[in-house]
Amino acid sequence: MGAYNPKIDAYIEKSADFAKPVLNKIRELVHEVCPDVEEAWKWSFPCYLYKGEMFCQSAAFKSHCSFGFWKSTIMPDPYGLLSNEEGNGHGNFGKITSLSDLPSDAIIKEYMKAAMDLNDRGIKVAKAPKTEAKALPEVPETFAKMLAANSAAQQHFENFSPSKKREYLDWFYDAKSDATRQKRYDQAIEWIAEGKARNWKYENC
């Protein structure tokens, strides 16, 4: 029988009331279908491993939960339920706000068994071909001045990889107003001075 990870216990306990039954239901079904499951804590949310590989994961957000399969793009989808599009709530079943948004237990189990079968057979998702790196967006003049006035932030930013720099720069350019952009500049300076990437909250614990 797979062990229960105390980090996931704590995560569910701290989740919103609407999310707890959803996360617990997914967890119960995982253990029922996959007695050898290994519970893991990755990217700050519950992940479930089988034979050393990810096979499904769940998460709770402010107003919805997500549930998906690591190899969903190559799994059979007899019910046409597996969405792999952006904006689907970071899972394969859309934004889940209650147990009624989940497929039936029987259908979930069927998908879980299919995911496990891929791990049994050692089948992996093909890596996307490398594409030519895009040039970094220009650092906004206002933000450049803020960096120059904060030596710690400037040093960390200069040492960031191009991808980490891009995360911040894209965030700035996505702002819909000058006020929002300025708030993002202020927050970025605080985080960068501490050596944090834009998405530091979602990095592995």
C-alpha atoms as a PDB file:
ATOM      1  CA  MET A   1       0.000   0.000   0.000  1.00  0.00           C
ATOM      2  CA  GLY A   2       1.375   3.402  -0.973  1.00  0.00           C
ATOM      3  CA  ALA A   3       2.325   5.701   1.870  1.00  0.00           C
ATOM      4  CA  TYR A   4       0.568   9.005   2.460  1.00  0.00           C
ATOM      5  CA  ASN A   5       2.799  12.064   2.229  1.00  0.00           C
ATOM      6  CA  PRO A   6       2.319  14.453   5.190  1.00  0.00           C
ATOM      7  CA  LYS A   7       2.988  17.444   2.915  1.00  0.00           C
ATOM      8  CA  ILE A   8      -0.085  16.507   0.905  1.00  0.00           C
ATOM      9  CA  ASP A   9      -2.089  16.049   4.116  1.00  0.00           C
ATOM     10  CA  ALA A  10      -1.168  19.611   5.078  1.00  0.00           C
ATOM     11  CA  TYR A  11      -1.837  20.957   1.588  1.00  0.00           C
ATOM     12  CA  ILE A  12      -5.366  19.552   1.535  1.00  0.00           C
ATOM     13  CA  GLU A  13      -6.048  20.736   5.071  1.00  0.00           C
ATOM     14  CA  LYS A  14      -5.073  24.302   4.135  1.00  0.00           C
ATOM     15  CA  SER A  15      -7.070  24.275   0.903  1.00  0.00           C
ATOM     16  CA  ALA A  16     -10.411  26.040   0.546  1.00  0.00           C
ATOM     17  CA  ASP A  17     -13.462  24.159   1.759  1.00  0.00           C
ATOM     18  CA  PHE A  18     -14.742  23.560  -1.780  1.00  0.00           C
ATOM     19  CA  ALA A  19     -11.411  21.979  -2.753  1.00  0.00           C
ATOM     20  CA  LYS A  20     -10.966  19.513   0.095  1.00  0.00           C
ATOM     21  CA  PRO A  21     -13.518  16.900  -1.035  1.00  0.00           C
ATOM     22  CA  VAL A  22     -12.230  17.098  -4.611  1.00  0.00           C
ATOM     23  CA  LEU A  23      -8.589  16.607  -3.636  1.00  0.00           C
ATOM     24  CA  ASN A  24      -9.472  13.838  -1.184  1.00  0.00           C
ATOM     25  CA  LYS A  25     -11.606  12.027  -3.787  1.00  0.00           C
ATOM     26  CA  ILE A  26      -8.799  12.070  -6.343  1.00  0.00           C
ATOM     27  CA  ARG A  27      -6.336  10.881  -3.727  1.00  0.00           C
ATOM     28  CA  GLU A  28      -8.601   8.030  -2.608  1.00  0.00           C
ATOM     29  CA  LEU A  29      -9.115   6.839  -6.179  1.00  0.00           C
ATOM     30  CA  VAL A  30      -5.372   6.961  -6.859  1.00  0.00           C
ATOM     31  CA  HIS A  31      -4.658   4.696  -3.882  1.00  0.00           C
ATOM     32  CA  GLU A  32      -7.520   2.371  -4.768  1.00  0.00           C
ATOM     33  CA  VAL A  33      -6.412   1.921  -8.378  1.00  0.00           C
ATOM     34  CA  CYS A  34      -2.668   2.045  -7.721  1.00  0.00           C
ATOM     35  CA  PRO A  35      -1.731   0.436  -4.367  1.00  0.00           C
ATOM     36  CA  ASP A  36       1.958   0.991  -5.166  1.00  0.00           C
ATOM     37  CA  VAL A  37       1.558   4.720  -5.725  1.00  0.00           C
ATOM     38  CA  GLU A  38       4.233   7.076  -4.411  1.00  0.00           C
ATOM     39  CA  GLU A  39       2.935  10.439  -3.263  1.00  0.00           C
ATOM     40  CA  ALA A  40       5.296  13.251  -4.159  1.00  0.00           C
ATOM     41  CA  TRP A  41       5.438  16.994  -3.573  1.00  0.00           C
ATOM     42  CA  LYS A  42       6.463  18.738  -6.799  1.00  0.00           C
ATOM     43  CA  TRP A  43       5.883  22.291  -8.039  1.00  0.00           C
ATOM     44  CA  SER A  44       4.087  22.947  -4.717  1.00  0.00           C
ATOM     45  CA  PHE A  45       1.173  20.600  -5.389  1.00  0.00           C
ATOM     46  CA  PRO A  46       0.332  16.891  -4.990  1.00  0.00           C
ATOM     47  CA  CYS A  47       1.793  14.549  -7.586  1.00  0.00           C
ATOM     48  CA  TYR A  48       1.389  10.791  -7.843  1.00  0.00           C
ATOM     49  CA  LEU A  49       4.157   8.534  -9.130  1.00  0.00           C
ATOM     50  CA  TYR A  50       3.995   4.955 -10.332  1.00  0.00           C
ATOM     51  CA  LYS A  51       7.158   2.961 -10.965  1.00  0.00           C
ATOM     52  CA  GLY A  52       9.188   6.098 -10.399  1.00  0.00           C
ATOM     53  CA  GLU A  53       7.360   8.196 -12.985  1.00  0.00           C
ATOM     54  CA  MET A  54       4.613  10.766 -12.735  1.00  0.00           C
ATOM     55  CA  PHE A  55       1.225   9.556 -13.807  1.00  0.00           C
ATOM     56  CA  CYS A  56      -1.271  12.084 -12.413  1.00  0.00           C
ATOM     57  CA  GLN A  57      -1.461  15.244 -10.345  1.00  0.00           C
ATOM     58  CA  SER A  58      -3.969  17.531  -8.658  1.00  0.00           C
ATOM     59  CA  ALA A  59      -3.951  21.075  -7.316  1.00  0.00           C
ATOM     60  CA  ALA A  60      -6.161  23.651  -5.647  1.00  0.00           C
ATOM     61  CA  PHE A  61      -6.333  27.290  -6.680  1.00  0.00           C
ATOM     62  CA  LYS A  62      -8.321  30.243  -5.393  1.00  0.00           C
ATOM     63  CA  SER A  63     -11.606  29.289  -7.036  1.00  0.00           C
ATOM     64  CA  HIS A  64     -11.057  25.899  -8.672  1.00  0.00           C
ATOM     65  CA  CYS A  65      -9.138  22.630  -8.571  1.00  0.00           C
ATOM     66  CA  SER A  66      -7.283  20.878 -11.347  1.00  0.00           C
ATOM     67  CA  PHE A  67      -6.696  17.214 -12.070  1.00  0.00           C
ATOM     68  CA  GLY A  68      -4.690  15.756 -14.908  1.00  0.00           C
ATOM     69  CA  PHE A  69      -2.417  13.067 -16.254  1.00  0.00           C
ATOM     70  CA  TRP A  70       1.259  13.551 -16.968  1.00  0.00           C
ATOM     71  CA  LYS A  71       1.080  11.652 -20.266  1.00  0.00           C
ATOM     72  CA  SER A  72      -2.387  12.801 -21.300  1.00  0.00           C
ATOM     73  CA  THR A  73      -1.252  13.699 -24.834  1.00  0.00           C
ATOM     74  CA  ILE A  74      -0.539  10.045 -25.618  1.00  0.00           C
ATOM     75  CA  MET A  75      -3.245   8.386 -23.498  1.00  0.00           C
ATOM     76  CA  PRO A  76      -6.351   6.803 -25.031  1.00  0.00           C
ATOM     77  CA  ASP A  77      -9.365   9.075 -24.581  1.00  0.00           C
ATOM     78  CA  PRO A  78     -12.490   6.939 -25.141  1.00  0.00           C
ATOM     79  CA  TYR A  79     -14.821   9.548 -23.631  1.00  0.00           C
ATOM     80  CA  GLY A  80     -13.270  12.627 -25.230  1.00  0.00           C
ATOM     81  CA  LEU A  81     -12.645  14.243 -21.846  1.00  0.00           C
ATOM     82  CA  LEU A  82      -8.908  14.894 -21.873  1.00  0.00           C
ATOM     83  CA  SER A  83      -8.314  18.535 -22.717  1.00  0.00           C
ATOM     84  CA  ASN A  84      -4.722  19.604 -23.354  1.00  0.00           C
ATOM     85  CA  GLU A  85      -5.450  23.207 -24.276  1.00  0.00           C
ATOM     86  CA  GLU A  86      -4.166  26.250 -22.421  1.00  0.00           C
ATOM     87  CA  GLY A  87      -6.698  27.908 -20.158  1.00  0.00           C
ATOM     88  CA  ASN A  88      -8.261  24.644 -18.997  1.00  0.00           C
ATOM     89  CA  GLY A  89      -7.365  25.184 -15.362  1.00  0.00           C
ATOM     90  CA  HIS A  90      -3.927  23.519 -15.540  1.00  0.00           C
ATOM     91  CA  GLY A  91      -5.467  20.047 -15.811  1.00  0.00           C
ATOM     92  CA  ASN A  92      -7.224  17.757 -18.261  1.00  0.00           C
ATOM     93  CA  PHE A  93     -10.763  18.163 -16.944  1.00  0.00           C
ATOM     94  CA  GLY A  94     -11.192  21.930 -16.873  1.00  0.00           C
ATOM     95  CA  LYS A  95     -11.756  24.006 -13.771  1.00  0.00           C
ATOM     96  CA  ILE A  96     -13.193  21.757 -11.059  1.00  0.00           C
ATOM     97  CA  THR A  97     -15.197  23.541  -8.365  1.00  0.00           C
ATOM     98  CA  SER A  98     -17.039  20.575  -6.829  1.00  0.00           C
ATOM     99  CA  LEU A  99     -17.239  16.786  -6.938  1.00  0.00           C
ATOM    100  CA  SER A 100     -19.989  17.063  -9.540  1.00  0.00           C
ATOM    101  CA  ASP A 101     -17.459  18.490 -12.014  1.00  0.00           C
ATOM    102  CA  LEU A 102     -15.445  15.262 -11.919  1.00  0.00           C
ATOM    103  CA  PRO A 103     -16.220  12.335 -14.230  1.00  0.00           C
ATOM    104  CA  SER A 104     -17.667   9.233 -12.566  1.00  0.00           C
ATOM    105  CA  ASP A 105     -15.372   7.128 -10.392  1.00  0.00           C
ATOM    106  CA  ALA A 106     -15.463   4.358 -13.008  1.00  0.00           C
ATOM    107  CA  ILE A 107     -14.291   6.693 -15.774  1.00  0.00           C
ATOM    108  CA  ILE A 108     -11.540   8.211 -13.623  1.00  0.00           C
ATOM    109  CA  LYS A 109     -10.311   4.730 -12.723  1.00  0.00           C
ATOM    110  CA  GLU A 110     -10.262   3.780 -16.398  1.00  0.00           C
ATOM    111  CA  TYR A 111      -8.085   6.766 -17.218  1.00  0.00           C
ATOM    112  CA  MET A 112      -5.827   6.055 -14.247  1.00  0.00           C
ATOM    113  CA  LYS A 113      -5.300   2.473 -15.400  1.00  0.00           C
ATOM    114  CA  ALA A 114      -4.436   3.731 -18.878  1.00  0.00           C
ATOM    115  CA  ALA A 115      -1.879   6.128 -17.410  1.00  0.00           C
ATOM    116  CA  MET A 116      -0.375   3.345 -15.311  1.00  0.00           C
ATOM    117  CA  ASP A 117      -0.170   1.103 -18.372  1.00  0.00           C
ATOM    118  CA  LEU A 118       2.030   3.660 -20.136  1.00  0.00           C
ATOM    119  CA  ASN A 119       4.406   3.617 -17.156  1.00  0.00           C
ATOM    120  CA  ASP A 120       4.322  -0.191 -17.083  1.00  0.00           C
ATOM    121  CA  ARG A 121       5.433  -0.253 -20.718  1.00  0.00           C
ATOM    122  CA  GLY A 122       8.023   2.469 -20.241  1.00  0.00           C
ATOM    123  CA  ILE A 123       6.383   4.732 -22.804  1.00  0.00           C
ATOM    124  CA  LYS A 124       7.395   8.358 -22.518  1.00  0.00           C
ATOM    125  CA  VAL A 125       6.075  11.581 -23.987  1.00  0.00           C
ATOM    126  CA  ALA A 126       8.264  12.710 -26.856  1.00  0.00           C
ATOM    127  CA  LYS A 127      10.145  15.891 -26.115  1.00  0.00           C
ATOM    128  CA  ALA A 128       9.181  18.885 -28.196  1.00  0.00           C
ATOM    129  CA  PRO A 129      11.813  19.788 -30.789  1.00  0.00           C
ATOM    130  CA  LYS A 130      14.043  22.655 -29.830  1.00  0.00           C
ATOM    131  CA  THR A 131      13.127  25.916 -31.462  1.00  0.00           C
ATOM    132  CA  GLU A 132      15.365  28.858 -32.154  1.00  0.00           C
ATOM    133  CA  ALA A 133      15.505  31.079 -29.100  1.00  0.00           C
ATOM    134  CA  LYS A 134      13.658  34.366 -29.444  1.00  0.00           C
ATOM    135  CA  ALA A 135      15.423  37.598 -28.682  1.00  0.00           C
ATOM    136  CA  LEU A 136      14.671  38.941 -25.218  1.00  0.00           C
ATOM    137  CA  PRO A 137      12.222  41.842 -25.016  1.00  0.00           C
ATOM    138  CA  GLU A 138      13.841  45.181 -24.256  1.00  0.00           C
ATOM    139  CA  VAL A 139      14.097  46.023 -20.573  1.00  0.00           C
ATOM    140  CA  PRO A 140      11.660  48.923 -19.959  1.00  0.00           C
ATOM    141  CA  GLU A 141      13.473  52.161 -19.219  1.00  0.00           C
ATOM    142  CA  THR A 142      11.632  52.698 -15.925  1.00  0.00           C
ATOM    143  CA  PHE A 143      12.491  49.223 -14.705  1.00  0.00           C
ATOM    144  CA  ALA A 144      16.109  49.577 -15.824  1.00  0.00           C
ATOM    145  CA  LYS A 145      16.407  52.696 -13.634  1.00  0.00           C
ATOM    146  CA  MET A 146      14.863  50.835 -10.690  1.00  0.00           C
ATOM    147  CA  LEU A 147      17.387  48.031 -11.134  1.00  0.00           C
ATOM    148  CA  ALA A 148      20.256  50.505 -11.258  1.00  0.00           C
ATOM    149  CA  ALA A 149      19.086  51.926  -7.929  1.00  0.00           C
ATOM    150  CA  ASN A 150      19.084  48.495  -6.255  1.00  0.00           C
ATOM    151  CA  SER A 151      22.446  46.775  -6.500  1.00  0.00           C
ATOM    152  CA  ALA A 152      21.237  43.420  -5.181  1.00  0.00           C
ATOM    153  CA  ALA A 153      18.371  43.281  -7.672  1.00  0.00           C
ATOM    154  CA  GLN A 154      20.590  44.390 -10.532  1.00  0.00           C
ATOM    155  CA  GLN A 155      23.205  41.738  -9.803  1.00  0.00           C
ATOM    156  CA  HIS A 156      20.648  38.946  -9.538  1.00  0.00           C
ATOM    157  CA  PHE A 157      18.854  40.057 -12.692  1.00  0.00           C
ATOM    158  CA  GLU A 158      22.103  40.169 -14.664  1.00  0.00           C
ATOM    159  CA  ASN A 159      22.888  36.629 -13.481  1.00  0.00           C
ATOM    160  CA  PHE A 160      19.445  35.252 -14.358  1.00  0.00           C
ATOM    161  CA  SER A 161      19.180  32.900 -17.314  1.00  0.00           C
ATOM    162  CA  PRO A 162      17.481  34.334 -20.427  1.00  0.00           C
ATOM    163  CA  SER A 163      14.330  32.339 -19.631  1.00  0.00           C
ATOM    164  CA  LYS A 164      14.091  33.810 -16.123  1.00  0.00           C
ATOM    165  CA  LYS A 165      14.591  37.311 -17.462  1.00  0.00           C
ATOM    166  CA  ARG A 166      11.911  36.701 -20.082  1.00  0.00           C
ATOM    167  CA  GLU A 167       9.382  35.638 -17.430  1.00  0.00           C
ATOM    168  CA  TYR A 168       9.665  39.045 -15.796  1.00  0.00           C
ATOM    169  CA  LEU A 169       9.799  41.059 -19.010  1.00  0.00           C
ATOM    170  CA  ASP A 170       6.772  39.315 -20.525  1.00  0.00           C
ATOM    171  CA  TRP A 171       4.916  39.921 -17.248  1.00  0.00           C
ATOM    172  CA  PHE A 172       5.636  43.637 -17.533  1.00  0.00           C
ATOM    173  CA  TYR A 173       4.544  43.888 -21.154  1.00  0.00           C
ATOM    174  CA  ASP A 174       1.339  41.939 -20.438  1.00  0.00           C
ATOM    175  CA  ALA A 175       0.156  44.607 -17.991  1.00  0.00           C
ATOM    176  CA  LYS A 176      -3.026  46.332 -19.185  1.00  0.00           C
ATOM    177  CA  SER A 177      -2.336  49.685 -17.554  1.00  0.00           C
ATOM    178  CA  ASP A 178       0.575  51.845 -16.422  1.00  0.00           C
ATOM    179  CA  ALA A 179      -0.541  51.466 -12.800  1.00  0.00           C
ATOM    180  CA  THR A 180      -0.528  47.689 -13.030  1.00  0.00           C
ATOM    181  CA  ARG A 181       2.851  47.734 -14.761  1.00  0.00           C
ATOM    182  CA  GLN A 182       4.323  49.912 -11.993  1.00  0.00           C
ATOM    183  CA  LYS A 183       3.004  47.524  -9.331  1.00  0.00           C
ATOM    184  CA  ARG A 184       4.698  44.696 -11.183  1.00  0.00           C
ATOM    185  CA  TYR A 185       7.947  46.640 -11.337  1.00  0.00           C
ATOM    186  CA  ASP A 186       7.807  47.195  -7.573  1.00  0.00           C
ATOM    187  CA  GLN A 187       7.034  43.537  -6.845  1.00  0.00           C
ATOM    188  CA  ALA A 188       9.717  42.359  -9.243  1.00  0.00           C
ATOM    189  CA  ILE A 189      12.417  44.475  -7.605  1.00  0.00           C
ATOM    190  CA  GLU A 190      11.513  42.993  -4.227  1.00  0.00           C
ATOM    191  CA  TRP A 191      11.630  39.417  -5.508  1.00  0.00           C
ATOM    192  CA  ILE A 192      14.717  39.827  -7.680  1.00  0.00           C
ATOM    193  CA  ALA A 193      16.659  41.429  -4.818  1.00  0.00           C
ATOM    194  CA  GLU A 194      16.055  38.146  -2.969  1.00  0.00           C
ATOM    195  CA  GLY A 195      17.198  36.127  -5.987  1.00  0.00           C
ATOM    196  CA  LYS A 196      13.699  34.882  -6.764  1.00  0.00           C
ATOM    197  CA  ALA A 197      12.448  34.004 -10.227  1.00  0.00           C
ATOM    198  CA  ARG A 198       9.090  35.350 -11.413  1.00  0.00           C
ATOM    199  CA  ASN A 199       7.400  31.977 -10.686  1.00  0.00           C
ATOM    200  CA  TRP A 200       9.331  31.160  -7.535  1.00  0.00           C
ATOM    201  CA  LYS A 201       6.140  30.118  -5.706  1.00  0.00           C
ATOM    202  CA  TYR A 202       5.711  27.159  -8.047  1.00  0.00           C
ATOM    203  CA  GLU A 203       9.253  25.887  -7.977  1.00  0.00           C
ATOM    204  CA  ASN A 204      10.022  22.565  -6.225  1.00  0.00           C
ATOM    205  CA  CYS A 205      10.101  22.696  -2.451  1.00  0.00           C
END
